[in-house]
Amino acid sequence: MPIVGHLRELRDRLIKIVVSLVVGTALGTVFARRFLEILISPMGVARPQALRPAENIIVYFKVALVLGLVFAMPVIVYQIVAFVVPGLEPGEKRALTIVIPGATLLFAIGVAFSAFVMLPFSLDYLGRFLSDLIQPQYSIDYYISFVANFIVWIGLSFETPLIIAFFARLGVVSPTQLRRGRRYAIVILAVVAAVITPTPDPFNMTLVMLPLYALYEFGIILARFFYRPRTTYSG
C-alpha cells in the first residue's frame, strides 16, 4: 500500500477510535457521579474545592472520559492491532476474539486496582507528609487530573499479558526469549512503576511493581499456549 493509502487508513481508524471514545464517554456520564464519589472517598471527611466556576462540570466529564476509555477499549484495541498488524491470518484473527475482550477486562481491573488499592495508600502517604506544617486542601480539577492520569496508566499497564500473548501468537517473541529477558523486564518494570507511582516512597512503588511483574509472568504462561513460530519463505 502506498504511503497515501496508509495515511488514509490511519485517518479512518483514528476517526473510529474517536467516535467510540465519544460514545463511551456519553455512556460514562451515567456512572460518572458514582465513580467520582469513589475517587474522592480516600480524602475522608475533607471535601475538594472548586476554584473556578466551570470546574465542577469539567471534572465531571474528565471522570466520564476515564469510564469512556473502559467502554471504548474493545474498539480501540481492534483498530490499533488492525493497523499495526495488517493482513492477519484466520488463526490470528481468532486470537483477537480473546485479546480484545481480555484487554478490556484487564484495563478495567487495572483501573479498579488503582482506584480501590493504590489511591488510598498514596493519598494517605501524601496527606500525612509534613501534615504538622501543611494542611492539604485540594482543588478538585487538579485532584481528578492527578488521579485520572494515575489510574489510566495503571489500567494500560495491566494489559501487558495479552500484548505479550498476541505477539507470541504472531511469532514476534517466544516463551524462551521472555524467560531469558526477566532481568531486563524487572529493570523496565521498576522504571515504569517509578514513573506511574505518584509518591516517591519505595513502598508504593513496590505496590505497583509487584502486580506488573506478576502480569509479566502471566504473559509468559499465556505465550506458551499462543506461541507460533514465524514461517519463513524462500525464493
C-alpha atoms as a PDB file:
ATOM      1  CA  MET A   1       0.000   0.000   0.000  1.00  0.00           C
ATOM      2  CA  PRO A   2       1.413   3.447  -0.903  1.00  0.00           C
ATOM      3  CA  ILE A   3       2.057   6.000   1.840  1.00  0.00           C
ATOM      4  CA  VAL A   4      -1.122   7.900   0.948  1.00  0.00           C
ATOM      5  CA  GLY A   5      -3.136   4.714   1.448  1.00  0.00           C
ATOM      6  CA  HIS A   6      -1.540   4.167   4.879  1.00  0.00           C
ATOM      7  CA  LEU A   7      -2.342   7.734   5.880  1.00  0.00           C
ATOM      8  CA  ARG A   8      -5.954   7.332   4.776  1.00  0.00           C
ATOM      9  CA  GLU A   9      -6.252   4.078   6.705  1.00  0.00           C
ATOM     10  CA  LEU A  10      -4.723   5.735   9.778  1.00  0.00           C
ATOM     11  CA  ARG A  11      -7.190   8.621   9.451  1.00  0.00           C
ATOM     12  CA  ASP A  12     -10.152   6.265   9.166  1.00  0.00           C
ATOM     13  CA  ARG A  13      -9.079   4.208  12.170  1.00  0.00           C
ATOM     14  CA  LEU A  14      -8.425   7.320  14.276  1.00  0.00           C
ATOM     15  CA  ILE A  15     -11.904   8.563  13.420  1.00  0.00           C
ATOM     16  CA  LYS A  16     -13.387   5.240  14.559  1.00  0.00           C
ATOM     17  CA  ILE A  17     -11.382   5.431  17.793  1.00  0.00           C
ATOM     18  CA  VAL A  18     -12.570   8.988  18.452  1.00  0.00           C
ATOM     19  CA  VAL A  19     -16.192   8.073  17.712  1.00  0.00           C
ATOM     20  CA  SER A  20     -16.009   5.063  20.043  1.00  0.00           C
ATOM     21  CA  LEU A  21     -14.468   7.240  22.746  1.00  0.00           C
ATOM     22  CA  VAL A  22     -17.229   9.836  22.354  1.00  0.00           C
ATOM     23  CA  VAL A  23     -19.905   7.134  22.607  1.00  0.00           C
ATOM     24  CA  GLY A  24     -18.122   5.544  25.577  1.00  0.00           C
ATOM     25  CA  THR A  25     -17.827   8.912  27.327  1.00  0.00           C
ATOM     26  CA  ALA A  26     -21.535   9.588  26.768  1.00  0.00           C
ATOM     27  CA  LEU A  27     -22.252   6.242  28.423  1.00  0.00           C
ATOM     28  CA  GLY A  28     -19.736   7.088  31.147  1.00  0.00           C
ATOM     29  CA  THR A  29     -21.718  10.179  32.128  1.00  0.00           C
ATOM     30  CA  VAL A  30     -24.379   7.843  33.517  1.00  0.00           C
ATOM     31  CA  PHE A  31     -21.910   6.455  36.071  1.00  0.00           C
ATOM     32  CA  ALA A  32     -19.601   9.481  36.438  1.00  0.00           C
ATOM     33  CA  ARG A  33     -21.062  10.783  39.688  1.00  0.00           C
ATOM     34  CA  ARG A  34     -20.767   7.420  41.446  1.00  0.00           C
ATOM     35  CA  PHE A  35     -17.221   6.924  40.160  1.00  0.00           C
ATOM     36  CA  LEU A  36     -16.310  10.446  41.304  1.00  0.00           C
ATOM     37  CA  GLU A  37     -17.580   9.584  44.780  1.00  0.00           C
ATOM     38  CA  ILE A  38     -15.278   6.549  44.787  1.00  0.00           C
ATOM     39  CA  LEU A  39     -12.279   8.617  43.667  1.00  0.00           C
ATOM     40  CA  ILE A  40     -12.678  11.285  46.347  1.00  0.00           C
ATOM     41  CA  SER A  41     -13.581   8.818  49.136  1.00  0.00           C
ATOM     42  CA  PRO A  42      -9.891   8.376  50.173  1.00  0.00           C
ATOM     43  CA  MET A  43      -9.949  12.043  51.248  1.00  0.00           C
ATOM     44  CA  GLY A  44     -12.192  11.087  54.173  1.00  0.00           C
ATOM     45  CA  VAL A  45     -14.289  13.906  55.609  1.00  0.00           C
ATOM     46  CA  ALA A  46     -12.358  16.542  53.656  1.00  0.00           C
ATOM     47  CA  ARG A  47     -14.057  17.908  50.554  1.00  0.00           C
ATOM     48  CA  PRO A  48     -12.150  19.122  47.474  1.00  0.00           C
ATOM     49  CA  GLN A  49     -12.536  22.736  46.434  1.00  0.00           C
ATOM     50  CA  ALA A  50     -13.669  24.197  43.115  1.00  0.00           C
ATOM     51  CA  LEU A  51     -11.591  27.288  42.328  1.00  0.00           C
ATOM     52  CA  ARG A  52     -13.293  28.178  39.029  1.00  0.00           C
ATOM     53  CA  PRO A  53     -16.980  28.462  38.095  1.00  0.00           C
ATOM     54  CA  ALA A  54     -16.852  25.719  35.445  1.00  0.00           C
ATOM     55  CA  GLU A  55     -14.543  23.407  37.378  1.00  0.00           C
ATOM     56  CA  ASN A  56     -17.273  21.037  38.556  1.00  0.00           C
ATOM     57  CA  ILE A  57     -18.589  20.243  35.099  1.00  0.00           C
ATOM     58  CA  ILE A  58     -15.048  19.909  33.690  1.00  0.00           C
ATOM     59  CA  VAL A  59     -14.244  17.371  36.397  1.00  0.00           C
ATOM     60  CA  TYR A  60     -17.494  15.520  35.724  1.00  0.00           C
ATOM     61  CA  PHE A  61     -16.573  14.989  32.077  1.00  0.00           C
ATOM     62  CA  LYS A  62     -12.976  14.052  32.937  1.00  0.00           C
ATOM     63  CA  VAL A  63     -14.326  11.242  35.088  1.00  0.00           C
ATOM     64  CA  ALA A  64     -16.756  10.265  32.316  1.00  0.00           C
ATOM     65  CA  LEU A  65     -13.829  10.200  29.879  1.00  0.00           C
ATOM     66  CA  VAL A  66     -11.951   7.685  32.038  1.00  0.00           C
ATOM     67  CA  LEU A  67     -15.030   5.463  32.062  1.00  0.00           C
ATOM     68  CA  GLY A  68     -15.373   6.074  28.325  1.00  0.00           C
ATOM     69  CA  LEU A  69     -11.895   4.603  27.838  1.00  0.00           C
ATOM     70  CA  VAL A  70     -13.032   1.418  29.545  1.00  0.00           C
ATOM     71  CA  PHE A  71     -16.176   1.149  27.421  1.00  0.00           C
ATOM     72  CA  ALA A  72     -14.362   2.026  24.173  1.00  0.00           C
ATOM     73  CA  MET A  73     -11.354  -0.230  24.806  1.00  0.00           C
ATOM     74  CA  PRO A  74     -12.545  -3.112  22.538  1.00  0.00           C
ATOM     75  CA  VAL A  75     -12.787  -0.773  19.540  1.00  0.00           C
ATOM     76  CA  ILE A  76      -9.517   0.989  20.397  1.00  0.00           C
ATOM     77  CA  VAL A  77      -7.571  -2.276  20.716  1.00  0.00           C
ATOM     78  CA  TYR A  78      -9.014  -3.680  17.492  1.00  0.00           C
ATOM     79  CA  GLN A  79      -8.259  -0.536  15.466  1.00  0.00           C
ATOM     80  CA  ILE A  80      -4.680  -0.366  16.743  1.00  0.00           C
ATOM     81  CA  VAL A  81      -3.974  -4.054  16.086  1.00  0.00           C
ATOM     82  CA  ALA A  82      -5.624  -3.970  12.652  1.00  0.00           C
ATOM     83  CA  PHE A  83      -3.430  -1.020  11.641  1.00  0.00           C
ATOM     84  CA  VAL A  84      -0.143  -2.218  13.155  1.00  0.00           C
ATOM     85  CA  VAL A  85      -0.536  -5.844  12.040  1.00  0.00           C
ATOM     86  CA  PRO A  86      -2.490  -5.857   8.750  1.00  0.00           C
ATOM     87  CA  GLY A  87      -3.349  -8.986   6.795  1.00  0.00           C
ATOM     88  CA  LEU A  88      -3.939 -11.277   9.763  1.00  0.00           C
ATOM     89  CA  GLU A  89      -4.355 -14.963   9.052  1.00  0.00           C
ATOM     90  CA  PRO A  90      -7.546 -16.757  10.183  1.00  0.00           C
ATOM     91  CA  GLY A  91      -5.834 -18.157  13.278  1.00  0.00           C
ATOM     92  CA  GLU A  92      -4.515 -14.734  14.211  1.00  0.00           C
ATOM     93  CA  LYS A  93      -7.957 -13.217  13.758  1.00  0.00           C
ATOM     94  CA  ARG A  94      -9.368 -15.852  16.097  1.00  0.00           C
ATOM     95  CA  ALA A  95      -6.738 -14.827  18.649  1.00  0.00           C
ATOM     96  CA  LEU A  96      -8.209 -11.330  18.524  1.00  0.00           C
ATOM     97  CA  THR A  97     -11.501 -12.700  19.859  1.00  0.00           C
ATOM     98  CA  ILE A  98      -9.597 -13.446  23.070  1.00  0.00           C
ATOM     99  CA  VAL A  99      -7.284 -10.436  23.076  1.00  0.00           C
ATOM    100  CA  ILE A 100      -9.958  -7.752  22.617  1.00  0.00           C
ATOM    101  CA  PRO A 101     -12.355  -8.688  25.448  1.00  0.00           C
ATOM    102  CA  GLY A 102      -9.390  -9.711  27.597  1.00  0.00           C
ATOM    103  CA  ALA A 103      -7.714  -6.334  27.097  1.00  0.00           C
ATOM    104  CA  THR A 104     -10.919  -4.581  28.100  1.00  0.00           C
ATOM    105  CA  LEU A 105     -11.291  -6.717  31.218  1.00  0.00           C
ATOM    106  CA  LEU A 106      -7.657  -6.235  32.280  1.00  0.00           C
ATOM    107  CA  PHE A 107      -7.878  -2.485  31.715  1.00  0.00           C
ATOM    108  CA  ALA A 108     -10.985  -2.345  33.904  1.00  0.00           C
ATOM    109  CA  ILE A 109      -9.239  -4.450  36.580  1.00  0.00           C
ATOM    110  CA  GLY A 110      -6.242  -2.107  36.469  1.00  0.00           C
ATOM    111  CA  VAL A 111      -8.488   0.928  36.895  1.00  0.00           C
ATOM    112  CA  ALA A 112     -10.255  -0.757  39.822  1.00  0.00           C
ATOM    113  CA  PHE A 113      -6.941  -1.775  41.421  1.00  0.00           C
ATOM    114  CA  SER A 114      -5.570   1.747  41.212  1.00  0.00           C
ATOM    115  CA  ALA A 115      -8.818   3.318  42.484  1.00  0.00           C
ATOM    116  CA  PHE A 116      -9.504   0.933  45.368  1.00  0.00           C
ATOM    117  CA  VAL A 117      -5.988  -0.166  46.404  1.00  0.00           C
ATOM    118  CA  MET A 118      -3.279   2.188  45.205  1.00  0.00           C
ATOM    119  CA  LEU A 119      -5.089   5.511  45.523  1.00  0.00           C
ATOM    120  CA  PRO A 120      -5.975   5.230  49.235  1.00  0.00           C
ATOM    121  CA  PHE A 121      -2.390   4.250  50.119  1.00  0.00           C
ATOM    122  CA  SER A 122      -0.876   7.035  48.024  1.00  0.00           C
ATOM    123  CA  LEU A 123      -3.201   9.763  49.275  1.00  0.00           C
ATOM    124  CA  ASP A 124      -2.721   8.688  52.879  1.00  0.00           C
ATOM    125  CA  TYR A 125       1.051   8.967  52.463  1.00  0.00           C
ATOM    126  CA  LEU A 126       0.847  12.328  50.716  1.00  0.00           C
ATOM    127  CA  GLY A 127      -1.628  13.689  53.258  1.00  0.00           C
ATOM    128  CA  ARG A 128       0.494  12.688  56.236  1.00  0.00           C
ATOM    129  CA  PHE A 129       3.756  14.032  54.865  1.00  0.00           C
ATOM    130  CA  LEU A 130       4.559  17.294  56.750  1.00  0.00           C
ATOM    131  CA  SER A 131       0.954  17.340  57.958  1.00  0.00           C
ATOM    132  CA  ASP A 132       2.065  19.207  61.096  1.00  0.00           C
ATOM    133  CA  LEU A 133       3.099  22.145  58.891  1.00  0.00           C
ATOM    134  CA  ILE A 134       0.766  21.936  55.885  1.00  0.00           C
ATOM    135  CA  GLN A 135      -2.991  21.409  55.728  1.00  0.00           C
ATOM    136  CA  PRO A 136      -3.931  19.580  52.497  1.00  0.00           C
ATOM    137  CA  GLN A 137      -6.673  21.393  50.578  1.00  0.00           C
ATOM    138  CA  TYR A 138      -7.105  20.003  47.093  1.00  0.00           C
ATOM    139  CA  SER A 139      -8.547  21.663  44.022  1.00  0.00           C
ATOM    140  CA  ILE A 140     -10.997  19.174  42.517  1.00  0.00           C
ATOM    141  CA  ASP A 141      -9.739  19.814  38.964  1.00  0.00           C
ATOM    142  CA  TYR A 142      -6.098  19.238  39.890  1.00  0.00           C
ATOM    143  CA  TYR A 143      -7.015  16.283  42.096  1.00  0.00           C
ATOM    144  CA  ILE A 144      -9.013  14.489  39.389  1.00  0.00           C
ATOM    145  CA  SER A 145      -6.349  15.226  36.740  1.00  0.00           C
ATOM    146  CA  PHE A 146      -3.770  13.696  39.087  1.00  0.00           C
ATOM    147  CA  VAL A 147      -5.944  10.668  39.847  1.00  0.00           C
ATOM    148  CA  ALA A 148      -7.110  10.130  36.247  1.00  0.00           C
ATOM    149  CA  ASN A 149      -3.546  10.143  34.916  1.00  0.00           C
ATOM    150  CA  PHE A 150      -2.574   7.632  37.581  1.00  0.00           C
ATOM    151  CA  ILE A 151      -5.415   5.164  37.076  1.00  0.00           C
ATOM    152  CA  VAL A 152      -5.324   5.280  33.264  1.00  0.00           C
ATOM    153  CA  TRP A 153      -1.622   4.363  33.171  1.00  0.00           C
ATOM    154  CA  ILE A 154      -2.159   1.599  35.713  1.00  0.00           C
ATOM    155  CA  GLY A 155      -5.071   0.323  33.634  1.00  0.00           C
ATOM    156  CA  LEU A 156      -2.989   0.296  30.453  1.00  0.00           C
ATOM    157  CA  SER A 157      -0.102  -1.479  32.175  1.00  0.00           C
ATOM    158  CA  PHE A 158      -2.476  -4.280  33.202  1.00  0.00           C
ATOM    159  CA  GLU A 159      -2.875  -5.208  29.538  1.00  0.00           C
ATOM    160  CA  THR A 160       0.711  -6.457  29.405  1.00  0.00           C
ATOM    161  CA  PRO A 161      -0.115 -10.219  29.440  1.00  0.00           C
ATOM    162  CA  LEU A 162      -2.402 -10.075  26.421  1.00  0.00           C
ATOM    163  CA  ILE A 163       0.034  -7.886  24.490  1.00  0.00           C
ATOM    164  CA  ILE A 164       2.745 -10.474  25.169  1.00  0.00           C
ATOM    165  CA  ALA A 165       0.414 -13.335  24.217  1.00  0.00           C
ATOM    166  CA  PHE A 166      -0.645 -11.691  20.960  1.00  0.00           C
ATOM    167  CA  PHE A 167       2.909 -11.004  19.834  1.00  0.00           C
ATOM    168  CA  ALA A 168       3.810 -14.571  20.784  1.00  0.00           C
ATOM    169  CA  ARG A 169       0.962 -15.721  18.536  1.00  0.00           C
ATOM    170  CA  LEU A 170       2.489 -13.686  15.702  1.00  0.00           C
ATOM    171  CA  GLY A 171       5.887 -15.256  16.396  1.00  0.00           C
ATOM    172  CA  VAL A 172       7.489 -11.937  17.312  1.00  0.00           C
ATOM    173  CA  VAL A 173       8.552 -13.190  20.757  1.00  0.00           C
ATOM    174  CA  SER A 174       8.876 -16.690  22.181  1.00  0.00           C
ATOM    175  CA  PRO A 175       8.417 -18.006  25.730  1.00  0.00           C
ATOM    176  CA  THR A 176      12.145 -18.752  25.843  1.00  0.00           C
ATOM    177  CA  GLN A 177      13.021 -15.165  24.955  1.00  0.00           C
ATOM    178  CA  LEU A 178      10.606 -13.886  27.583  1.00  0.00           C
ATOM    179  CA  ARG A 179      12.097 -16.119  30.283  1.00  0.00           C
ATOM    180  CA  ARG A 180      15.628 -15.063  29.374  1.00  0.00           C
ATOM    181  CA  GLY A 181      14.564 -11.423  29.428  1.00  0.00           C
ATOM    182  CA  ARG A 182      13.302 -11.488  33.016  1.00  0.00           C
ATOM    183  CA  ARG A 183      16.200  -9.446  34.379  1.00  0.00           C
ATOM    184  CA  TYR A 184      15.648  -6.747  31.762  1.00  0.00           C
ATOM    185  CA  ALA A 185      11.899  -6.862  32.361  1.00  0.00           C
ATOM    186  CA  ILE A 186      12.436  -6.262  36.089  1.00  0.00           C
ATOM    187  CA  VAL A 187      14.504  -3.164  35.369  1.00  0.00           C
ATOM    188  CA  ILE A 188      11.947  -1.840  32.866  1.00  0.00           C
ATOM    189  CA  LEU A 189       9.052  -2.555  35.224  1.00  0.00           C
ATOM    190  CA  ALA A 190      10.873  -0.782  38.058  1.00  0.00           C
ATOM    191  CA  VAL A 191      11.251   2.300  35.868  1.00  0.00           C
ATOM    192  CA  VAL A 192       7.598   2.130  34.784  1.00  0.00           C
ATOM    193  CA  ALA A 193       6.455   1.736  38.412  1.00  0.00           C
ATOM    194  CA  ALA A 194       8.592   4.703  39.455  1.00  0.00           C
ATOM    195  CA  VAL A 195       7.049   6.862  36.716  1.00  0.00           C
ATOM    196  CA  ILE A 196       3.472   5.762  37.399  1.00  0.00           C
ATOM    197  CA  THR A 197       3.631   5.902  41.198  1.00  0.00           C
ATOM    198  CA  PRO A 198       2.520   9.333  42.407  1.00  0.00           C
ATOM    199  CA  THR A 199       4.675   9.143  45.543  1.00  0.00           C
ATOM    200  CA  PRO A 200       8.470   8.866  45.852  1.00  0.00           C
ATOM    201  CA  ASP A 201       8.487   6.220  48.595  1.00  0.00           C
ATOM    202  CA  PRO A 202       9.597   2.650  47.801  1.00  0.00           C
ATOM    203  CA  PHE A 203       6.520   1.103  49.461  1.00  0.00           C
ATOM    204  CA  ASN A 204       4.027   2.495  46.946  1.00  0.00           C
ATOM    205  CA  MET A 205       6.450   1.854  44.093  1.00  0.00           C
ATOM    206  CA  THR A 206       6.700  -1.794  45.169  1.00  0.00           C
ATOM    207  CA  LEU A 207       2.916  -1.973  45.444  1.00  0.00           C
ATOM    208  CA  VAL A 208       2.747  -1.043  41.753  1.00  0.00           C
ATOM    209  CA  MET A 209       5.724  -3.100  40.602  1.00  0.00           C
ATOM    210  CA  LEU A 210       4.658  -6.435  42.108  1.00  0.00           C
ATOM    211  CA  PRO A 211       1.399  -6.688  40.123  1.00  0.00           C
ATOM    212  CA  LEU A 212       3.251  -5.586  36.972  1.00  0.00           C
ATOM    213  CA  TYR A 213       5.802  -8.345  37.419  1.00  0.00           C
ATOM    214  CA  ALA A 214       3.040 -10.868  38.152  1.00  0.00           C
ATOM    215  CA  LEU A 215       1.372  -9.782  34.903  1.00  0.00           C
ATOM    216  CA  TYR A 216       4.660 -10.292  33.040  1.00  0.00           C
ATOM    217  CA  GLU A 217       4.898 -13.848  34.401  1.00  0.00           C
ATOM    218  CA  PHE A 218       1.263 -14.425  33.460  1.00  0.00           C
ATOM    219  CA  GLY A 219       2.149 -13.205  29.974  1.00  0.00           C
ATOM    220  CA  ILE A 220       4.883 -15.853  29.758  1.00  0.00           C
ATOM    221  CA  ILE A 221       2.345 -18.537  30.681  1.00  0.00           C
ATOM    222  CA  LEU A 222      -0.055 -17.300  28.010  1.00  0.00           C
ATOM    223  CA  ALA A 223       2.797 -17.176  25.487  1.00  0.00           C
ATOM    224  CA  ARG A 224       3.349 -20.921  25.933  1.00  0.00           C
ATOM    225  CA  PHE A 225      -0.175 -21.570  24.678  1.00  0.00           C
ATOM    226  CA  PHE A 226      -0.300 -18.906  21.960  1.00  0.00           C
ATOM    227  CA  TYR A 227       3.222 -19.068  20.538  1.00  0.00           C
ATOM    228  CA  ARG A 228       3.552 -19.981  16.887  1.00  0.00           C
ATOM    229  CA  PRO A 229       6.976 -19.831  15.213  1.00  0.00           C
ATOM    230  CA  ARG A 230       7.226 -17.475  12.278  1.00  0.00           C
ATOM    231  CA  THR A 231       7.039 -19.148   8.901  1.00  0.00           C
ATOM    232  CA  THR A 232       9.846 -18.074   6.586  1.00  0.00           C
ATOM    233  CA  TYR A 233       9.519 -18.175   2.832  1.00  0.00           C
ATOM    234  CA  SER A 234      12.332 -18.516   0.366  1.00  0.00           C
ATOM    235  CA  GLY A 235      12.511 -17.925  -3.311  1.00  0.00           C
END
